[in-house]
């Protein structure tokens, strides 16, 4: 996939909008990694992966209230290196925590 002018900056700005790990600028390492991954994915697909990651990470929501088990925060470079391939073809349901009843909702059977 060919990068268009401004795609690298657009990807970094979108990443920063998710408030996962904010980058002050586009570093040479990140620029190189974006160029490498854009051989396989378009900028729009990378933005979709970022959205997916932000959804399962749920930044700003306390861990005990999160619906997904994923909690590890990558910076953008690490995400491009590992996350894009990891999340390609995945569904949100693959990352959902197992449903458990809260103690107040549990039904207790006793013998009388």
PDB file of N, CA and C in Angstrom:
ATOM      1  N   UNK A   1       0.843  -1.161   0.000  1.00  0.00           N
ATOM      2  CA  UNK A   1       0.000   0.000   0.000  1.00  0.00           C
ATOM      3  C   UNK A   1       0.901   1.241   0.000  1.00  0.00           C
ATOM      4  N   UNK A   2       0.566   2.176  -0.800  1.00  0.00           N
ATOM      5  CA  UNK A   2       1.378   3.386  -0.901  1.00  0.00           C
ATOM      6  C   UNK A   2       0.925   4.416   0.128  1.00  0.00           C
ATOM      7  N   UNK A   3       1.900   5.023   0.773  1.00  0.00           N
ATOM      8  CA  UNK A   3       1.600   6.109   1.703  1.00  0.00           C
ATOM      9  C   UNK A   3       1.322   7.385   0.928  1.00  0.00           C
ATOM     10  N   UNK A   4       0.315   8.106   1.353  1.00  0.00           N
ATOM     11  CA  UNK A   4       0.033   9.413   0.769  1.00  0.00           C
ATOM     12  C   UNK A   4       0.697  10.466   1.639  1.00  0.00           C
ATOM     13  N   UNK A   5       0.884  11.634   1.078  1.00  0.00           N
ATOM     14  CA  UNK A   5       1.467  12.732   1.833  1.00  0.00           C
ATOM     15  C   UNK A   5       0.579  13.023   3.046  1.00  0.00           C
ATOM     16  N   UNK A   6       1.186  13.102   4.185  1.00  0.00           N
ATOM     17  CA  UNK A   6       0.463  13.405   5.417  1.00  0.00           C
ATOM     18  C   UNK A   6      -0.067  12.195   6.159  1.00  0.00           C
ATOM     19  N   UNK A   7       0.044  10.986   5.584  1.00  0.00           N
ATOM     20  CA  UNK A   7      -0.469   9.783   6.255  1.00  0.00           C
ATOM     21  C   UNK A   7       0.246   9.508   7.570  1.00  0.00           C
ATOM     22  N   UNK A   8       1.557   9.675   7.590  1.00  0.00           N
ATOM     23  CA  UNK A   8       2.300   9.399   8.827  1.00  0.00           C
ATOM     24  C   UNK A   8       1.820  10.311   9.948  1.00  0.00           C
ATOM     25  N   UNK A   9       1.686  11.595   9.641  1.00  0.00           N
ATOM     26  CA  UNK A   9       1.227  12.553  10.646  1.00  0.00           C
ATOM     27  C   UNK A   9      -0.209  12.245  11.077  1.00  0.00           C
ATOM     28  N   UNK A  10      -1.041  11.847  10.118  1.00  0.00           N
ATOM     29  CA  UNK A  10      -2.436  11.507  10.412  1.00  0.00           C
ATOM     30  C   UNK A  10      -2.518  10.310  11.361  1.00  0.00           C
ATOM     31  N   UNK A  11      -1.667   9.320  11.146  1.00  0.00           N
ATOM     32  CA  UNK A  11      -1.647   8.144  12.019  1.00  0.00           C
ATOM     33  C   UNK A  11      -1.217   8.533  13.430  1.00  0.00           C
ATOM     34  N   UNK A  12      -0.174   9.357  13.543  1.00  0.00           N
ATOM     35  CA  UNK A  12       0.298   9.783  14.871  1.00  0.00           C
ATOM     36  C   UNK A  12      -0.772  10.625  15.567  1.00  0.00           C
ATOM     37  N   UNK A  13      -1.393  11.538  14.858  1.00  0.00           N
ATOM     38  CA  UNK A  13      -2.454  12.361  15.456  1.00  0.00           C
ATOM     39  C   UNK A  13      -3.625  11.497  15.928  1.00  0.00           C
ATOM     40  N   UNK A  14      -3.992  10.510  15.127  1.00  0.00           N
ATOM     41  CA  UNK A  14      -5.086   9.623  15.534  1.00  0.00           C
ATOM     42  C   UNK A  14      -4.686   8.819  16.768  1.00  0.00           C
ATOM     43  N   UNK A  15      -3.472   8.298  16.763  1.00  0.00           N
ATOM     44  CA  UNK A  15      -2.966   7.568  17.930  1.00  0.00           C
ATOM     45  C   UNK A  15      -3.045   8.454  19.175  1.00  0.00           C
ATOM     46  N   UNK A  16      -2.547   9.673  19.075  1.00  0.00           N
ATOM     47  CA  UNK A  16      -2.548  10.581  20.228  1.00  0.00           C
ATOM     48  C   UNK A  16      -3.962  10.923  20.686  1.00  0.00           C
ATOM     49  N   UNK A  17      -4.920  10.950  19.766  1.00  0.00           N
ATOM     50  CA  UNK A  17      -6.299  11.264  20.147  1.00  0.00           C
ATOM     51  C   UNK A  17      -6.892  10.198  21.056  1.00  0.00           C
ATOM     52  N   UNK A  18      -6.341   8.990  21.029  1.00  0.00           N
ATOM     53  CA  UNK A  18      -6.841   7.887  21.857  1.00  0.00           C
ATOM     54  C   UNK A  18      -6.273   7.925  23.274  1.00  0.00           C
ATOM     55  N   UNK A  19      -5.288   8.776  23.517  1.00  0.00           N
ATOM     56  CA  UNK A  19      -4.719   8.991  24.860  1.00  0.00           C
ATOM     57  C   UNK A  19      -4.191   7.704  25.500  1.00  0.00           C
ATOM     58  N   UNK A  20      -3.574   6.871  24.688  1.00  0.00           N
ATOM     59  CA  UNK A  20      -2.973   5.640  25.206  1.00  0.00           C
ATOM     60  C   UNK A  20      -1.589   5.974  25.731  1.00  0.00           C
ATOM     61  N   UNK A  21      -0.677   6.296  24.845  1.00  0.00           N
ATOM     62  CA  UNK A  21       0.645   6.840  25.155  1.00  0.00           C
ATOM     63  C   UNK A  21       0.842   7.965  24.147  1.00  0.00           C
ATOM     64  N   UNK A  22       0.829   9.195  24.614  1.00  0.00           N
ATOM     65  CA  UNK A  22       0.882  10.351  23.720  1.00  0.00           C
ATOM     66  C   UNK A  22       2.330  10.638  23.326  1.00  0.00           C
ATOM     67  N   UNK A  23       2.531  10.860  22.028  1.00  0.00           N
ATOM     68  CA  UNK A  23       3.852  11.195  21.489  1.00  0.00           C
ATOM     69  C   UNK A  23       3.867  12.672  21.110  1.00  0.00           C
ATOM     70  N   UNK A  24       4.943  13.358  21.474  1.00  0.00           N
ATOM     71  CA  UNK A  24       5.046  14.785  21.182  1.00  0.00           C
ATOM     72  C   UNK A  24       5.280  15.059  19.709  1.00  0.00           C
ATOM     73  N   UNK A  25       5.925  14.115  19.046  1.00  0.00           N
ATOM     74  CA  UNK A  25       6.253  14.331  17.636  1.00  0.00           C
ATOM     75  C   UNK A  25       6.418  12.988  16.941  1.00  0.00           C
ATOM     76  N   UNK A  26       6.499  13.063  15.645  1.00  0.00           N
ATOM     77  CA  UNK A  26       6.756  11.890  14.820  1.00  0.00           C
ATOM     78  C   UNK A  26       8.263  11.644  14.813  1.00  0.00           C
ATOM     79  N   UNK A  27       8.695  10.596  15.502  1.00  0.00           N
ATOM     80  CA  UNK A  27      10.126  10.295  15.580  1.00  0.00           C
ATOM     81  C   UNK A  27      10.557   9.507  14.341  1.00  0.00           C
ATOM     82  N   UNK A  28      11.856   9.503  14.054  1.00  0.00           N
ATOM     83  CA  UNK A  28      12.334   8.710  12.911  1.00  0.00           C
ATOM     84  C   UNK A  28      11.991   7.220  13.035  1.00  0.00           C
ATOM     85  N   UNK A  29      12.066   6.666  14.241  1.00  0.00           N
ATOM     86  CA  UNK A  29      11.720   5.247  14.433  1.00  0.00           C
ATOM     87  C   UNK A  29      10.256   4.971  14.092  1.00  0.00           C
ATOM     88  N   UNK A  30       9.374   5.848  14.554  1.00  0.00           N
ATOM     89  CA  UNK A  30       7.950   5.670  14.269  1.00  0.00           C
ATOM     90  C   UNK A  30       7.694   5.844  12.779  1.00  0.00           C
ATOM     91  N   UNK A  31       8.319   6.852  12.160  1.00  0.00           N
ATOM     92  CA  UNK A  31       8.145   7.095  10.724  1.00  0.00           C
ATOM     93  C   UNK A  31       8.586   5.885   9.910  1.00  0.00           C
ATOM     94  N   UNK A  32       9.719   5.296  10.287  1.00  0.00           N
ATOM     95  CA  UNK A  32      10.219   4.110   9.593  1.00  0.00           C
ATOM     96  C   UNK A  32       9.269   2.938   9.765  1.00  0.00           C
ATOM     97  N   UNK A  33       8.746   2.763  10.967  1.00  0.00           N
ATOM     98  CA  UNK A  33       7.832   1.647  11.230  1.00  0.00           C
ATOM     99  C   UNK A  33       6.508   1.834  10.485  1.00  0.00           C
ATOM    100  N   UNK A  34       6.026   3.065  10.393  1.00  0.00           N
ATOM    101  CA  UNK A  34       4.804   3.325   9.619  1.00  0.00           C
ATOM    102  C   UNK A  34       5.053   2.977   8.155  1.00  0.00           C
ATOM    103  N   UNK A  35       6.194   3.389   7.628  1.00  0.00           N
ATOM    104  CA  UNK A  35       6.523   3.070   6.231  1.00  0.00           C
ATOM    105  C   UNK A  35       6.578   1.567   6.009  1.00  0.00           C
ATOM    106  N   UNK A  36       7.169   0.839   6.962  1.00  0.00           N
ATOM    107  CA  UNK A  36       7.286  -0.614   6.838  1.00  0.00           C
ATOM    108  C   UNK A  36       5.916  -1.283   6.862  1.00  0.00           C
ATOM    109  N   UNK A  37       5.082  -0.908   7.820  1.00  0.00           N
ATOM    110  CA  UNK A  37       3.782  -1.573   7.970  1.00  0.00           C
ATOM    111  C   UNK A  37       2.827  -1.180   6.847  1.00  0.00           C
ATOM    112  N   UNK A  38       3.041  -0.005   6.257  1.00  0.00           N
ATOM    113  CA  UNK A  38       2.183   0.425   5.145  1.00  0.00           C
ATOM    114  C   UNK A  38       2.493  -0.308   3.846  1.00  0.00           C
ATOM    115  N   UNK A  39       3.462  -1.193   3.860  1.00  0.00           N
ATOM    116  CA  UNK A  39       3.676  -2.084   2.714  1.00  0.00           C
ATOM    117  C   UNK A  39       2.585  -3.152   2.682  1.00  0.00           C
ATOM    118  N   UNK A  40       1.963  -3.384   3.848  1.00  0.00           N
ATOM    119  CA  UNK A  40       0.974  -4.442   3.986  1.00  0.00           C
ATOM    120  C   UNK A  40      -0.435  -3.915   4.264  1.00  0.00           C
ATOM    121  N   UNK A  41      -0.528  -2.750   4.880  1.00  0.00           N
ATOM    122  CA  UNK A  41      -1.808  -2.175   5.283  1.00  0.00           C
ATOM    123  C   UNK A  41      -1.869  -0.708   4.859  1.00  0.00           C
ATOM    124  N   UNK A  42      -3.076  -0.238   4.574  1.00  0.00           N
ATOM    125  CA  UNK A  42      -3.253   1.176   4.255  1.00  0.00           C
ATOM    126  C   UNK A  42      -3.276   1.994   5.549  1.00  0.00           C
ATOM    127  N   UNK A  43      -3.139   3.294   5.416  1.00  0.00           N
ATOM    128  CA  UNK A  43      -3.212   4.178   6.587  1.00  0.00           C
ATOM    129  C   UNK A  43      -4.583   4.046   7.255  1.00  0.00           C
ATOM    130  N   UNK A  44      -5.637   3.915   6.460  1.00  0.00           N
ATOM    131  CA  UNK A  44      -6.977   3.759   7.030  1.00  0.00           C
ATOM    132  C   UNK A  44      -7.115   2.454   7.809  1.00  0.00           C
ATOM    133  N   UNK A  45      -6.490   1.390   7.327  1.00  0.00           N
ATOM    134  CA  UNK A  45      -6.523   0.119   8.067  1.00  0.00           C
ATOM    135  C   UNK A  45      -5.754   0.244   9.382  1.00  0.00           C
ATOM    136  N   UNK A  46      -4.634   0.928   9.368  1.00  0.00           N
ATOM    137  CA  UNK A  46      -3.868   1.134  10.605  1.00  0.00           C
ATOM    138  C   UNK A  46      -4.707   1.916  11.607  1.00  0.00           C
ATOM    139  N   UNK A  47      -5.425   2.921  11.131  1.00  0.00           N
ATOM    140  CA  UNK A  47      -6.301   3.697  12.010  1.00  0.00           C
ATOM    141  C   UNK A  47      -7.406   2.806  12.575  1.00  0.00           C
ATOM    142  N   UNK A  48      -7.929   1.886  11.798  1.00  0.00           N
ATOM    143  CA  UNK A  48      -8.922   0.931  12.308  1.00  0.00           C
ATOM    144  C   UNK A  48      -8.319   0.047  13.402  1.00  0.00           C
ATOM    145  N   UNK A  49      -7.074  -0.402  13.216  1.00  0.00           N
ATOM    146  CA  UNK A  49      -6.399  -1.206  14.244  1.00  0.00           C
ATOM    147  C   UNK A  49      -6.197  -0.396  15.519  1.00  0.00           C
ATOM    148  N   UNK A  50      -5.858   0.875  15.377  1.00  0.00           N
ATOM    149  CA  UNK A  50      -5.701   1.751  16.546  1.00  0.00           C
ATOM    150  C   UNK A  50      -7.034   1.863  17.284  1.00  0.00           C
ATOM    151  N   UNK A  51      -8.118   2.039  16.542  1.00  0.00           N
ATOM    152  CA  UNK A  51      -9.450   2.105  17.163  1.00  0.00           C
ATOM    153  C   UNK A  51      -9.776   0.817  17.902  1.00  0.00           C
ATOM    154  N   UNK A  52      -9.466  -0.320  17.288  1.00  0.00           N
ATOM    155  CA  UNK A  52      -9.700  -1.622  17.911  1.00  0.00           C
ATOM    156  C   UNK A  52      -8.912  -1.732  19.215  1.00  0.00           C
ATOM    157  N   UNK A  53      -7.639  -1.376  19.157  1.00  0.00           N
ATOM    158  CA  UNK A  53      -6.771  -1.436  20.339  1.00  0.00           C
ATOM    159  C   UNK A  53      -7.295  -0.531  21.447  1.00  0.00           C
ATOM    160  N   UNK A  54      -7.683   0.686  21.099  1.00  0.00           N
ATOM    161  CA  UNK A  54      -8.204   1.615  22.103  1.00  0.00           C
ATOM    162  C   UNK A  54      -9.500   1.090  22.718  1.00  0.00           C
ATOM    163  N   UNK A  55     -10.314   0.424  21.914  1.00  0.00           N
ATOM    164  CA  UNK A  55     -11.566  -0.138  22.423  1.00  0.00           C
ATOM    165  C   UNK A  55     -11.296  -1.224  23.454  1.00  0.00           C
ATOM    166  N   UNK A  56     -10.396  -2.147  23.149  1.00  0.00           N
ATOM    167  CA  UNK A  56     -10.148  -3.240  24.106  1.00  0.00           C
ATOM    168  C   UNK A  56      -9.307  -2.774  25.291  1.00  0.00           C
ATOM    169  N   UNK A  57      -8.536  -1.708  25.117  1.00  0.00           N
ATOM    170  CA  UNK A  57      -7.722  -1.187  26.220  1.00  0.00           C
ATOM    171  C   UNK A  57      -8.565  -0.359  27.178  1.00  0.00           C
ATOM    172  N   UNK A  58      -9.582   0.304  26.671  1.00  0.00           N
ATOM    173  CA  UNK A  58     -10.495   1.129  27.461  1.00  0.00           C
ATOM    174  C   UNK A  58      -9.771   2.123  28.365  1.00  0.00           C
ATOM    175  N   UNK A  59      -8.948   3.017  27.777  1.00  0.00           N
ATOM    176  CA  UNK A  59      -8.248   3.985  28.620  1.00  0.00           C
ATOM    177  C   UNK A  59      -9.232   4.877  29.362  1.00  0.00           C
ATOM    178  N   UNK A  60      -8.933   5.146  30.633  1.00  0.00           N
ATOM    179  CA  UNK A  60      -9.781   6.006  31.441  1.00  0.00           C
ATOM    180  C   UNK A  60     -10.868   5.277  32.215  1.00  0.00           C
ATOM    181  N   UNK A  61     -11.052   3.987  31.963  1.00  0.00           N
ATOM    182  CA  UNK A  61     -12.061   3.212  32.687  1.00  0.00           C
ATOM    183  C   UNK A  61     -11.345   2.359  33.733  1.00  0.00           C
ATOM    184  N   UNK A  62     -11.797   2.401  34.987  1.00  0.00           N
ATOM    185  CA  UNK A  62     -11.146   1.577  36.017  1.00  0.00           C
ATOM    186  C   UNK A  62     -11.132   0.107  35.621  1.00  0.00           C
ATOM    187  N   UNK A  63     -10.058  -0.572  35.964  1.00  0.00           N
ATOM    188  CA  UNK A  63      -9.866  -1.960  35.521  1.00  0.00           C
ATOM    189  C   UNK A  63     -11.002  -2.884  35.937  1.00  0.00           C
ATOM    190  N   UNK A  64     -11.551  -2.681  37.126  1.00  0.00           N
ATOM    191  CA  UNK A  64     -12.625  -3.567  37.580  1.00  0.00           C
ATOM    192  C   UNK A  64     -13.946  -3.339  36.838  1.00  0.00           C
ATOM    193  N   UNK A  65     -14.023  -2.275  36.041  1.00  0.00           N
ATOM    194  CA  UNK A  65     -15.237  -1.988  35.269  1.00  0.00           C
ATOM    195  C   UNK A  65     -15.050  -2.242  33.769  1.00  0.00           C
ATOM    196  N   UNK A  66     -13.878  -2.678  33.375  1.00  0.00           N
ATOM    197  CA  UNK A  66     -13.605  -2.893  31.962  1.00  0.00           C
ATOM    198  C   UNK A  66     -14.231  -4.193  31.461  1.00  0.00           C
ATOM    199  N   UNK A  67     -14.638  -4.168  30.193  1.00  0.00           N
ATOM    200  CA  UNK A  67     -15.257  -5.342  29.572  1.00  0.00           C
ATOM    201  C   UNK A  67     -14.223  -6.273  28.947  1.00  0.00           C
ATOM    202  N   UNK A  68     -13.013  -5.766  28.724  1.00  0.00           N
ATOM    203  CA  UNK A  68     -11.993  -6.542  28.018  1.00  0.00           C
ATOM    204  C   UNK A  68     -10.799  -6.785  28.932  1.00  0.00           C
ATOM    205  N   UNK A  69     -10.148  -7.918  28.742  1.00  0.00           N
ATOM    206  CA  UNK A  69      -9.055  -8.293  29.631  1.00  0.00           C
ATOM    207  C   UNK A  69      -7.727  -7.656  29.268  1.00  0.00           C
ATOM    208  N   UNK A  70      -7.597  -7.085  28.083  1.00  0.00           N
ATOM    209  CA  UNK A  70      -6.315  -6.524  27.647  1.00  0.00           C
ATOM    210  C   UNK A  70      -6.016  -5.249  28.425  1.00  0.00           C
ATOM    211  N   UNK A  71      -4.840  -5.162  29.072  1.00  0.00           N
ATOM    212  CA  UNK A  71      -4.496  -3.967  29.845  1.00  0.00           C
ATOM    213  C   UNK A  71      -3.125  -3.408  29.495  1.00  0.00           C
ATOM    214  N   UNK A  72      -2.330  -4.141  28.713  1.00  0.00           N
ATOM    215  CA  UNK A  72      -0.964  -3.681  28.433  1.00  0.00           C
ATOM    216  C   UNK A  72      -0.967  -2.537  27.425  1.00  0.00           C
ATOM    217  N   UNK A  73      -0.290  -1.441  27.776  1.00  0.00           N
ATOM    218  CA  UNK A  73      -0.220  -0.271  26.900  1.00  0.00           C
ATOM    219  C   UNK A  73       1.098  -0.256  26.140  1.00  0.00           C
ATOM    220  N   UNK A  74       0.993  -0.300  24.820  1.00  0.00           N
ATOM    221  CA  UNK A  74       2.157  -0.124  23.976  1.00  0.00           C
ATOM    222  C   UNK A  74       2.260   1.344  23.589  1.00  0.00           C
ATOM    223  N   UNK A  75       3.470   1.804  23.267  1.00  0.00           N
ATOM    224  CA  UNK A  75       3.574   3.094  22.597  1.00  0.00           C
ATOM    225  C   UNK A  75       3.317   2.826  21.114  1.00  0.00           C
ATOM    226  N   UNK A  76       3.267   3.881  20.302  1.00  0.00           N
ATOM    227  CA  UNK A  76       2.906   3.699  18.895  1.00  0.00           C
ATOM    228  C   UNK A  76       3.911   2.811  18.164  1.00  0.00           C
ATOM    229  N   UNK A  77       5.192   2.978  18.431  1.00  0.00           N
ATOM    230  CA  UNK A  77       6.204   2.159  17.775  1.00  0.00           C
ATOM    231  C   UNK A  77       5.974   0.679  18.079  1.00  0.00           C
ATOM    232  N   UNK A  78       5.785   0.348  19.360  1.00  0.00           N
ATOM    233  CA  UNK A  78       5.548  -1.045  19.752  1.00  0.00           C
ATOM    234  C   UNK A  78       4.249  -1.576  19.152  1.00  0.00           C
ATOM    235  N   UNK A  79       3.229  -0.721  19.122  1.00  0.00           N
ATOM    236  CA  UNK A  79       1.956  -1.136  18.541  1.00  0.00           C
ATOM    237  C   UNK A  79       2.119  -1.484  17.066  1.00  0.00           C
ATOM    238  N   UNK A  80       2.837  -0.645  16.332  1.00  0.00           N
ATOM    239  CA  UNK A  80       3.043  -0.915  14.909  1.00  0.00           C
ATOM    240  C   UNK A  80       3.865  -2.182  14.719  1.00  0.00           C
ATOM    241  N   UNK A  81       4.829  -2.404  15.600  1.00  0.00           N
ATOM    242  CA  UNK A  81       5.712  -3.566  15.513  1.00  0.00           C
ATOM    243  C   UNK A  81       4.971  -4.862  15.853  1.00  0.00           C
ATOM    244  N   UNK A  82       4.119  -4.833  16.897  1.00  0.00           N
ATOM    245  CA  UNK A  82       3.484  -6.056  17.395  1.00  0.00           C
ATOM    246  C   UNK A  82       1.969  -6.094  17.235  1.00  0.00           C
ATOM    247  N   UNK A  83       1.321  -4.982  17.532  1.00  0.00           N
ATOM    248  CA  UNK A  83      -0.128  -4.962  17.656  1.00  0.00           C
ATOM    249  C   UNK A  83      -0.896  -5.124  16.363  1.00  0.00           C
ATOM    250  N   UNK A  84      -0.421  -4.498  15.300  1.00  0.00           N
ATOM    251  CA  UNK A  84      -1.169  -4.549  14.044  1.00  0.00           C
ATOM    252  C   UNK A  84      -1.341  -5.999  13.603  1.00  0.00           C
ATOM    253  N   UNK A  85      -0.279  -6.768  13.593  1.00  0.00           N
ATOM    254  CA  UNK A  85      -0.380  -8.182  13.189  1.00  0.00           C
ATOM    255  C   UNK A  85      -1.207  -8.990  14.186  1.00  0.00           C
ATOM    256  N   UNK A  86      -1.085  -8.653  15.467  1.00  0.00           N
ATOM    257  CA  UNK A  86      -1.819  -9.386  16.492  1.00  0.00           C
ATOM    258  C   UNK A  86      -3.324  -9.191  16.355  1.00  0.00           C
ATOM    259  N   UNK A  87      -3.744  -7.983  16.029  1.00  0.00           N
ATOM    260  CA  UNK A  87      -5.174  -7.678  15.980  1.00  0.00           C
ATOM    261  C   UNK A  87      -5.795  -7.856  14.602  1.00  0.00           C
ATOM    262  N   UNK A  88      -4.990  -8.128  13.594  1.00  0.00           N
ATOM    263  CA  UNK A  88      -5.518  -8.322  12.238  1.00  0.00           C
ATOM    264  C   UNK A  88      -6.438  -9.539  12.229  1.00  0.00           C
ATOM    265  N   UNK A  89      -7.667  -9.334  11.829  1.00  0.00           N
ATOM    266  CA  UNK A  89      -8.630 -10.432  11.740  1.00  0.00           C
ATOM    267  C   UNK A  89      -9.290 -10.812  13.049  1.00  0.00           C
ATOM    268  N   UNK A  90      -9.017 -10.095  14.111  1.00  0.00           N
ATOM    269  CA  UNK A  90      -9.584 -10.414  15.417  1.00  0.00           C
ATOM    270  C   UNK A  90     -10.946  -9.754  15.594  1.00  0.00           C
ATOM    271  N   UNK A  91     -11.705 -10.262  16.526  1.00  0.00           N
ATOM    272  CA  UNK A  91     -12.997  -9.696  16.891  1.00  0.00           C
ATOM    273  C   UNK A  91     -12.951  -9.265  18.347  1.00  0.00           C
ATOM    274  N   UNK A  92     -13.748  -8.255  18.688  1.00  0.00           N
ATOM    275  CA  UNK A  92     -13.781  -7.766  20.065  1.00  0.00           C
ATOM    276  C   UNK A  92     -14.122  -8.875  21.050  1.00  0.00           C
ATOM    277  N   UNK A  93     -14.988  -9.781  20.637  1.00  0.00           N
ATOM    278  CA  UNK A  93     -15.410 -10.854  21.548  1.00  0.00           C
ATOM    279  C   UNK A  93     -14.242 -11.746  21.973  1.00  0.00           C
ATOM    280  N   UNK A  94     -13.181 -11.782  21.187  1.00  0.00           N
ATOM    281  CA  UNK A  94     -12.008 -12.579  21.556  1.00  0.00           C
ATOM    282  C   UNK A  94     -11.285 -12.004  22.771  1.00  0.00           C
ATOM    283  N   UNK A  95     -11.553 -10.756  23.108  1.00  0.00           N
ATOM    284  CA  UNK A  95     -10.852 -10.087  24.204  1.00  0.00           C
ATOM    285  C   UNK A  95     -11.764  -9.762  25.381  1.00  0.00           C
ATOM    286  N   UNK A  96     -13.012 -10.224  25.328  1.00  0.00           N
ATOM    287  CA  UNK A  96     -13.930  -9.942  26.420  1.00  0.00           C
ATOM    288  C   UNK A  96     -13.586 -10.780  27.640  1.00  0.00           C
ATOM    289  N   UNK A  97     -13.754 -10.145  28.806  1.00  0.00           N
ATOM    290  CA  UNK A  97     -13.604 -10.884  30.047  1.00  0.00           C
ATOM    291  C   UNK A  97     -14.761 -11.861  30.152  1.00  0.00           C
ATOM    292  N   UNK A  98     -14.533 -12.946  30.831  1.00  0.00           N
ATOM    293  CA  UNK A  98     -15.620 -13.896  31.056  1.00  0.00           C
ATOM    294  C   UNK A  98     -16.630 -13.261  31.998  1.00  0.00           C
ATOM    295  N   UNK A  99     -17.894 -13.508  31.718  1.00  0.00           N
ATOM    296  CA  UNK A  99     -18.951 -12.952  32.554  1.00  0.00           C
ATOM    297  C   UNK A  99     -18.968 -13.674  33.894  1.00  0.00           C
ATOM    298  N   UNK A 100     -18.954 -12.913  34.943  1.00  0.00           N
ATOM    299  CA  UNK A 100     -19.107 -13.474  36.280  1.00  0.00           C
ATOM    300  C   UNK A 100     -20.150 -12.658  37.010  1.00  0.00           C
ATOM    301  N   UNK A 101     -20.846 -13.282  37.894  1.00  0.00           N
ATOM    302  CA  UNK A 101     -21.855 -12.583  38.671  1.00  0.00           C
ATOM    303  C   UNK A 101     -21.190 -11.829  39.812  1.00  0.00           C
ATOM    304  N   UNK A 102     -21.694 -10.647  40.068  1.00  0.00           N
ATOM    305  CA  UNK A 102     -21.263  -9.914  41.247  1.00  0.00           C
ATOM    306  C   UNK A 102     -21.843 -10.631  42.460  1.00  0.00           C
ATOM    307  N   UNK A 103     -21.170 -10.573  43.606  1.00  0.00           N
ATOM    308  CA  UNK A 103     -21.682 -11.288  44.785  1.00  0.00           C
ATOM    309  C   UNK A 103     -23.142 -10.949  45.110  1.00  0.00           C
ATOM    310  N   UNK A 104     -23.546  -9.712  44.903  1.00  0.00           N
ATOM    311  CA  UNK A 104     -24.929  -9.320  45.210  1.00  0.00           C
ATOM    312  C   UNK A 104     -25.927  -9.957  44.247  1.00  0.00           C
ATOM    313  N   UNK A 105     -25.475 -10.338  43.052  1.00  0.00           N
ATOM    314  CA  UNK A 105     -26.359 -10.930  42.048  1.00  0.00           C
ATOM    315  C   UNK A 105     -26.394 -12.455  42.106  1.00  0.00           C
ATOM    316  N   UNK A 106     -25.528 -13.042  42.894  1.00  0.00           N
ATOM    317  CA  UNK A 106     -25.449 -14.497  42.957  1.00  0.00           C
ATOM    318  C   UNK A 106     -26.676 -15.059  43.668  1.00  0.00           C
ATOM    319  N   UNK A 107     -27.121 -16.196  43.191  1.00  0.00           N
ATOM    320  CA  UNK A 107     -28.256 -16.888  43.815  1.00  0.00           C
ATOM    321  C   UNK A 107     -27.682 -18.023  44.647  1.00  0.00           C
ATOM    322  N   UNK A 108     -28.027 -18.022  45.917  1.00  0.00           N
ATOM    323  CA  UNK A 108     -27.508 -19.041  46.821  1.00  0.00           C
ATOM    324  C   UNK A 108     -28.648 -19.977  47.218  1.00  0.00           C
ATOM    325  N   UNK A 109     -28.442 -21.259  46.990  1.00  0.00           N
ATOM    326  CA  UNK A 109     -29.444 -22.242  47.363  1.00  0.00           C
ATOM    327  C   UNK A 109     -29.052 -22.863  48.704  1.00  0.00           C
ATOM    328  N   UNK A 110     -30.003 -22.884  49.597  1.00  0.00           N
ATOM    329  CA  UNK A 110     -29.748 -23.500  50.896  1.00  0.00           C
ATOM    330  C   UNK A 110     -30.832 -24.547  51.176  1.00  0.00           C
ATOM    331  N   UNK A 111     -30.476 -25.538  51.983  1.00  0.00           N
ATOM    332  CA  UNK A 111     -31.452 -26.555  52.375  1.00  0.00           C
ATOM    333  C   UNK A 111     -32.184 -26.071  53.607  1.00  0.00           C
ATOM    334  N   UNK A 112     -33.454 -26.370  53.658  1.00  0.00           N
ATOM    335  CA  UNK A 112     -34.227 -25.973  54.845  1.00  0.00           C
ATOM    336  C   UNK A 112     -34.707 -27.168  55.589  1.00  0.00           C
TER     337      UNK A 112
END
